[in-house]
Every structure is written in C-alpha cells, then in structure tokens.
Amino acid sequence: MLFDPEEVAAEGQATIDETTKQLTALKNTRDGFILAGDKEDAARSEKEKADREKKAADEKAAAEK
C-alpha cells in the first residue's frame, strides 16, 4: 500500500500539536509585550499626574505671594 492513513493521521496530529505549541508561545510573548506597555502607560500617567499636582501647587504658591 502506498498510502498509510494511520501514519498520515499521526503526522498530521504531530503537526497540529506543534503548531498549537508555537501559537501558544507567540500569544504569551504578545501578552508580555502588552503588559509591559500597560505598565509603561501607568507609570507615565502617574508621572503626569504628579507633574500636574506640582504645577498646581506652584501656581497656588505664586498666587498667594
């Protein structure tokens, strides 16, 4: 027999398993980048908030003089 359906099915399943494994790795990498970006955004937002508060305090102090 030239075509062994069981062998082809086994090879196909191995290919599917490896593809699933690689997709999972790619998703994990993507999610890591997203989390890093979220952390950077949060840090930037906190810095901007602190800068705004400092500016408001400075303006208030200047107005009181």
PDB file of N, CA and C in Angstrom:
ATOM      1  N   MET A   1       0.849  -1.179   0.000  1.00  0.00           N
ATOM      2  CA  MET A   1       0.000   0.000   0.000  1.00  0.00           C
ATOM      3  C   MET A   1       0.894   1.242   0.000  1.00  0.00           C
ATOM      4  N   LEU A   2       0.598   2.184  -0.837  1.00  0.00           N
ATOM      5  CA  LEU A   2       1.393   3.397  -0.941  1.00  0.00           C
ATOM      6  C   LEU A   2       0.990   4.454   0.080  1.00  0.00           C
ATOM      7  N   PHE A   3      -0.223   4.364   0.528  1.00  0.00           N
ATOM      8  CA  PHE A   3      -0.772   5.398   1.419  1.00  0.00           C
ATOM      9  C   PHE A   3      -1.224   4.744   2.718  1.00  0.00           C
ATOM     10  N   ASP A   4      -0.597   5.135   3.805  1.00  0.00           N
ATOM     11  CA  ASP A   4      -0.969   4.580   5.104  1.00  0.00           C
ATOM     12  C   ASP A   4      -1.737   5.653   5.875  1.00  0.00           C
ATOM     13  N   PRO A   5      -3.048   5.530   5.961  1.00  0.00           N
ATOM     14  CA  PRO A   5      -3.865   6.560   6.604  1.00  0.00           C
ATOM     15  C   PRO A   5      -3.493   6.795   8.068  1.00  0.00           C
ATOM     16  N   GLU A   6      -3.110   5.756   8.779  1.00  0.00           N
ATOM     17  CA  GLU A   6      -2.746   5.914  10.190  1.00  0.00           C
ATOM     18  C   GLU A   6      -1.467   6.740  10.339  1.00  0.00           C
ATOM     19  N   GLU A   7      -0.506   6.478   9.469  1.00  0.00           N
ATOM     20  CA  GLU A   7       0.759   7.234   9.515  1.00  0.00           C
ATOM     21  C   GLU A   7       0.516   8.702   9.169  1.00  0.00           C
ATOM     22  N   VAL A   8      -0.288   8.951   8.158  1.00  0.00           N
ATOM     23  CA  VAL A   8      -0.606  10.318   7.763  1.00  0.00           C
ATOM     24  C   VAL A   8      -1.365  11.032   8.879  1.00  0.00           C
ATOM     25  N   ALA A   9      -2.277  10.334   9.523  1.00  0.00           N
ATOM     26  CA  ALA A   9      -3.039  10.921  10.626  1.00  0.00           C
ATOM     27  C   ALA A   9      -2.111  11.256  11.789  1.00  0.00           C
ATOM     28  N   ALA A  10      -1.175  10.369  12.092  1.00  0.00           N
ATOM     29  CA  ALA A  10      -0.227  10.607  13.184  1.00  0.00           C
ATOM     30  C   ALA A  10       0.660  11.803  12.864  1.00  0.00           C
ATOM     31  N   GLU A  11       1.164  11.880  11.649  1.00  0.00           N
ATOM     32  CA  GLU A  11       1.999  13.015  11.248  1.00  0.00           C
ATOM     33  C   GLU A  11       1.198  14.317  11.272  1.00  0.00           C
ATOM     34  N   GLY A  12      -0.037  14.250  10.820  1.00  0.00           N
ATOM     35  CA  GLY A  12      -0.903  15.429  10.835  1.00  0.00           C
ATOM     36  C   GLY A  12      -1.167  15.906  12.247  1.00  0.00           C
ATOM     37  N   GLN A  13      -1.421  14.975  13.154  1.00  0.00           N
ATOM     38  CA  GLN A  13      -1.668  15.340  14.546  1.00  0.00           C
ATOM     39  C   GLN A  13      -0.411  15.934  15.186  1.00  0.00           C
ATOM     40  N   ALA A  14       0.755  15.387  14.856  1.00  0.00           N
ATOM     41  CA  ALA A  14       2.008  15.927  15.378  1.00  0.00           C
ATOM     42  C   ALA A  14       2.211  17.359  14.880  1.00  0.00           C
ATOM     43  N   THR A  15       1.879  17.599  13.631  1.00  0.00           N
ATOM     44  CA  THR A  15       1.988  18.946  13.069  1.00  0.00           C
ATOM     45  C   THR A  15       1.025  19.900  13.762  1.00  0.00           C
ATOM     46  N   ILE A  16      -0.187  19.456  13.994  1.00  0.00           N
ATOM     47  CA  ILE A  16      -1.190  20.286  14.690  1.00  0.00           C
ATOM     48  C   ILE A  16      -0.720  20.591  16.108  1.00  0.00           C
ATOM     49  N   ASP A  17      -0.188  19.596  16.808  1.00  0.00           N
ATOM     50  CA  ASP A  17       0.291  19.793  18.177  1.00  0.00           C
ATOM     51  C   ASP A  17       1.429  20.812  18.217  1.00  0.00           C
ATOM     52  N   GLU A  18       2.370  20.707  17.293  1.00  0.00           N
ATOM     53  CA  GLU A  18       3.494  21.641  17.253  1.00  0.00           C
ATOM     54  C   GLU A  18       3.019  23.054  16.901  1.00  0.00           C
ATOM     55  N   THR A  19       2.077  23.153  15.989  1.00  0.00           N
ATOM     56  CA  THR A  19       1.527  24.456  15.620  1.00  0.00           C
ATOM     57  C   THR A  19       0.822  25.095  16.812  1.00  0.00           C
ATOM     58  N   THR A  20       0.059  24.310  17.544  1.00  0.00           N
ATOM     59  CA  THR A  20      -0.625  24.810  18.735  1.00  0.00           C
ATOM     60  C   THR A  20       0.386  25.291  19.770  1.00  0.00           C
ATOM     61  N   LYS A  21       1.442  24.534  19.950  1.00  0.00           N
ATOM     62  CA  LYS A  21       2.503  24.905  20.894  1.00  0.00           C
ATOM     63  C   LYS A  21       3.150  26.234  20.489  1.00  0.00           C
ATOM     64  N   GLN A  22       3.443  26.399  19.216  1.00  0.00           N
ATOM     65  CA  GLN A  22       4.058  27.633  18.731  1.00  0.00           C
ATOM     66  C   GLN A  22       3.103  28.816  18.852  1.00  0.00           C
ATOM     67  N   LEU A  23       1.844  28.607  18.556  1.00  0.00           N
ATOM     68  CA  LEU A  23       0.856  29.683  18.696  1.00  0.00           C
ATOM     69  C   LEU A  23       0.733  30.131  20.152  1.00  0.00           C
ATOM     70  N   THR A  24       0.753  29.171  21.060  1.00  0.00           N
ATOM     71  CA  THR A  24       0.694  29.499  22.485  1.00  0.00           C
ATOM     72  C   THR A  24       1.909  30.329  22.883  1.00  0.00           C
ATOM     73  N   ALA A  25       3.079  29.959  22.407  1.00  0.00           N
ATOM     74  CA  ALA A  25       4.295  30.718  22.713  1.00  0.00           C
ATOM     75  C   ALA A  25       4.193  32.137  22.157  1.00  0.00           C
ATOM     76  N   LEU A  26       3.680  32.280  20.949  1.00  0.00           N
ATOM     77  CA  LEU A  26       3.527  33.609  20.352  1.00  0.00           C
ATOM     78  C   LEU A  26       2.520  34.455  21.127  1.00  0.00           C
ATOM     79  N   LYS A  27       1.424  33.844  21.546  1.00  0.00           N
ATOM     80  CA  LYS A  27       0.416  34.570  22.331  1.00  0.00           C
ATOM     81  C   LYS A  27       1.008  35.025  23.658  1.00  0.00           C
ATOM     82  N   ASN A  28       1.790  34.168  24.298  1.00  0.00           N
ATOM     83  CA  ASN A  28       2.420  34.538  25.561  1.00  0.00           C
ATOM     84  C   ASN A  28       3.395  35.698  25.376  1.00  0.00           C
ATOM     85  N   THR A  29       4.149  35.672  24.301  1.00  0.00           N
ATOM     86  CA  THR A  29       5.073  36.765  24.011  1.00  0.00           C
ATOM     87  C   THR A  29       4.302  38.059  23.775  1.00  0.00           C
ATOM     88  N   ARG A  30       3.240  37.987  22.988  1.00  0.00           N
ATOM     89  CA  ARG A  30       2.406  39.163  22.726  1.00  0.00           C
ATOM     90  C   ARG A  30       1.821  39.717  24.016  1.00  0.00           C
ATOM     91  N   ASP A  31       1.305  38.838  24.846  1.00  0.00           N
ATOM     92  CA  ASP A  31       0.711  39.273  26.108  1.00  0.00           C
ATOM     93  C   ASP A  31       1.751  39.925  27.012  1.00  0.00           C
ATOM     94  N   GLY A  32       2.976  39.412  26.983  1.00  0.00           N
ATOM     95  CA  GLY A  32       4.054  40.021  27.750  1.00  0.00           C
ATOM     96  C   GLY A  32       4.331  41.444  27.287  1.00  0.00           C
ATOM     97  N   PHE A  33       4.343  41.656  25.972  1.00  0.00           N
ATOM     98  CA  PHE A  33       4.549  42.999  25.435  1.00  0.00           C
ATOM     99  C   PHE A  33       3.401  43.925  25.821  1.00  0.00           C
ATOM    100  N   ILE A  34       2.189  43.408  25.791  1.00  0.00           N
ATOM    101  CA  ILE A  34       1.022  44.212  26.166  1.00  0.00           C
ATOM    102  C   ILE A  34       1.116  44.628  27.627  1.00  0.00           C
ATOM    103  N   LEU A  35       1.479  43.691  28.504  1.00  0.00           N
ATOM    104  CA  LEU A  35       1.610  44.006  29.927  1.00  0.00           C
ATOM    105  C   LEU A  35       2.717  45.033  30.166  1.00  0.00           C
ATOM    106  N   ALA A  36       3.822  44.891  29.451  1.00  0.00           N
ATOM    107  CA  ALA A  36       4.913  45.857  29.598  1.00  0.00           C
ATOM    108  C   ALA A  36       4.444  47.242  29.156  1.00  0.00           C
ATOM    109  N   GLY A  37       3.704  47.307  28.071  1.00  0.00           N
ATOM    110  CA  GLY A  37       3.168  48.585  27.595  1.00  0.00           C
ATOM    111  C   GLY A  37       2.190  49.184  28.584  1.00  0.00           C
ATOM    112  N   ASP A  38       1.355  48.333  29.179  1.00  0.00           N
ATOM    113  CA  ASP A  38       0.402  48.817  30.178  1.00  0.00           C
ATOM    114  C   ASP A  38       1.128  49.393  31.389  1.00  0.00           C
ATOM    115  N   LYS A  39       2.210  48.731  31.812  1.00  0.00           N
ATOM    116  CA  LYS A  39       2.989  49.221  32.952  1.00  0.00           C
ATOM    117  C   LYS A  39       3.620  50.574  32.619  1.00  0.00           C
ATOM    118  N   GLU A  40       4.153  50.700  31.399  1.00  0.00           N
ATOM    119  CA  GLU A  40       4.744  51.970  30.979  1.00  0.00           C
ATOM    120  C   GLU A  40       3.686  53.069  30.947  1.00  0.00           C
ATOM    121  N   ASP A  41       2.514  52.753  30.434  1.00  0.00           N
ATOM    122  CA  ASP A  41       1.425  53.734  30.385  1.00  0.00           C
ATOM    123  C   ASP A  41       1.013  54.165  31.783  1.00  0.00           C
ATOM    124  N   ALA A  42       0.929  53.212  32.697  1.00  0.00           N
ATOM    125  CA  ALA A  42       0.547  53.533  34.073  1.00  0.00           C
ATOM    126  C   ALA A  42       1.604  54.415  34.731  1.00  0.00           C
ATOM    127  N   ALA A  43       2.871  54.093  34.505  1.00  0.00           N
ATOM    128  CA  ALA A  43       3.950  54.894  35.083  1.00  0.00           C
ATOM    129  C   ALA A  43       3.932  56.305  34.498  1.00  0.00           C
ATOM    130  N   ARG A  44       3.706  56.412  33.202  1.00  0.00           N
ATOM    131  CA  ARG A  44       3.655  57.715  32.549  1.00  0.00           C
ATOM    132  C   ARG A  44       2.474  58.524  33.086  1.00  0.00           C
ATOM    133  N   SER A  45       1.342  57.854  33.284  1.00  0.00           N
ATOM    134  CA  SER A  45       0.157  58.519  33.799  1.00  0.00           C
ATOM    135  C   SER A  45       0.403  59.032  35.217  1.00  0.00           C
ATOM    136  N   GLU A  46       1.043  58.229  36.051  1.00  0.00           N
ATOM    137  CA  GLU A  46       1.356  58.653  37.422  1.00  0.00           C
ATOM    138  C   GLU A  46       2.306  59.850  37.414  1.00  0.00           C
ATOM    139  N   LYS A  47       3.297  59.820  36.521  1.00  0.00           N
ATOM    140  CA  LYS A  47       4.245  60.936  36.440  1.00  0.00           C
ATOM    141  C   LYS A  47       3.528  62.205  35.984  1.00  0.00           C
ATOM    142  N   GLU A  48       2.662  62.070  34.989  1.00  0.00           N
ATOM    143  CA  GLU A  48       1.917  63.236  34.508  1.00  0.00           C
ATOM    144  C   GLU A  48       1.012  63.793  35.602  1.00  0.00           C
ATOM    145  N   LYS A  49       0.404  62.921  36.378  1.00  0.00           N
ATOM    146  CA  LYS A  49      -0.457  63.355  37.473  1.00  0.00           C
ATOM    147  C   LYS A  49       0.364  64.107  38.519  1.00  0.00           C
ATOM    148  N   ALA A  50       1.520  63.566  38.860  1.00  0.00           N
ATOM    149  CA  ALA A  50       2.383  64.229  39.839  1.00  0.00           C
ATOM    150  C   ALA A  50       2.850  65.583  39.312  1.00  0.00           C
ATOM    151  N   ASP A  51       3.176  65.644  38.035  1.00  0.00           N
ATOM    152  CA  ASP A  51       3.593  66.916  37.431  1.00  0.00           C
ATOM    153  C   ASP A  51       2.464  67.948  37.479  1.00  0.00           C
ATOM    154  N   ARG A  52       1.243  67.516  37.175  1.00  0.00           N
ATOM    155  CA  ARG A  52       0.093  68.430  37.228  1.00  0.00           C
ATOM    156  C   ARG A  52      -0.136  68.944  38.647  1.00  0.00           C
ATOM    157  N   GLU A  53      -0.042  68.037  39.625  1.00  0.00           N
ATOM    158  CA  GLU A  53      -0.240  68.439  41.017  1.00  0.00           C
ATOM    159  C   GLU A  53       0.837  69.420  41.470  1.00  0.00           C
ATOM    160  N   LYS A  54       2.076  69.170  41.062  1.00  0.00           N
ATOM    161  CA  LYS A  54       3.172  70.073  41.428  1.00  0.00           C
ATOM    162  C   LYS A  54       2.975  71.441  40.781  1.00  0.00           C
ATOM    163  N   LYS A  55       2.566  71.440  39.519  1.00  0.00           N
ATOM    164  CA  LYS A  55       2.332  72.696  38.823  1.00  0.00           C
ATOM    165  C   LYS A  55       1.207  73.485  39.490  1.00  0.00           C
ATOM    166  N   ALA A  56       0.140  72.789  39.869  1.00  0.00           N
ATOM    167  CA  ALA A  56      -0.986  73.456  40.538  1.00  0.00           C
ATOM    168  C   ALA A  56      -0.540  74.023  41.882  1.00  0.00           C
ATOM    169  N   ALA A  57       0.264  73.264  42.620  1.00  0.00           N
ATOM    170  CA  ALA A  57       0.761  73.745  43.914  1.00  0.00           C
ATOM    171  C   ALA A  57       1.674  74.953  43.720  1.00  0.00           C
ATOM    172  N   ASP A  58       2.521  74.916  42.688  1.00  0.00           N
ATOM    173  CA  ASP A  58       3.414  76.042  42.409  1.00  0.00           C
ATOM    174  C   ASP A  58       2.608  77.292  42.030  1.00  0.00           C
ATOM    175  N   GLU A  59       1.585  77.099  41.209  1.00  0.00           N
ATOM    176  CA  GLU A  59       0.749  78.235  40.809  1.00  0.00           C
ATOM    177  C   GLU A  59       0.005  78.815  42.010  1.00  0.00           C
ATOM    178  N   LYS A  60      -0.453  77.945  42.885  1.00  0.00           N
ATOM    179  CA  LYS A  60      -1.157  78.398  44.087  1.00  0.00           C
ATOM    180  C   LYS A  60      -0.201  79.181  44.977  1.00  0.00           C
ATOM    181  N   ALA A  61       1.019  78.665  45.136  1.00  0.00           N
ATOM    182  CA  ALA A  61       2.019  79.347  45.965  1.00  0.00           C
ATOM    183  C   ALA A  61       2.371  80.708  45.361  1.00  0.00           C
ATOM    184  N   ALA A  62       2.489  80.762  44.038  1.00  0.00           N
ATOM    185  CA  ALA A  62       2.814  82.013  43.382  1.00  0.00           C
ATOM    186  C   ALA A  62       1.664  83.022  43.523  1.00  0.00           C
ATOM    187  N   ALA A  63       0.434  82.521  43.472  1.00  0.00           N
ATOM    188  CA  ALA A  63      -0.716  83.399  43.598  1.00  0.00           C
ATOM    189  C   ALA A  63      -0.841  83.947  45.016  1.00  0.00           C
ATOM    190  N   GLU A  64      -0.428  83.182  46.000  1.00  0.00           N
ATOM    191  CA  GLU A  64      -0.501  83.634  47.378  1.00  0.00           C
ATOM    192  C   GLU A  64       0.535  84.691  47.705  1.00  0.00           C
ATOM    193  N   LYS A  65       1.610  84.745  46.949  1.00  0.00           N
ATOM    194  CA  LYS A  65       2.665  85.742  47.197  1.00  0.00           C
ATOM    195  C   LYS A  65       2.211  87.073  46.788  1.00  0.00           C
TER     196      LYS A  65
END
